[in-house]
Amino acid sequence: MPLSQIGSYMHTYIRITYRCQHIKRGLTRTHISESYVMTYVS
C-alpha cells in the first residue's frame, strides 16, 4: 500500500470519527436541553 494511500485513508478515518463525535455531542446537548425544559415545565 502506498504511503499516500495510507495518508488519505487516515484523513478519511479522522474525518468520520470527528463527525461522529460532533453528532454525538449535538445529540447530547439537545437531550440535556430537552430534559431541562421538561423539568422546568413540570
Foldseek 3Di string as FASTA:
>chain_A
DDPVVVVVVVVVVVVVVVVVVVVVVVVVVVVVVVVVVVVVVD
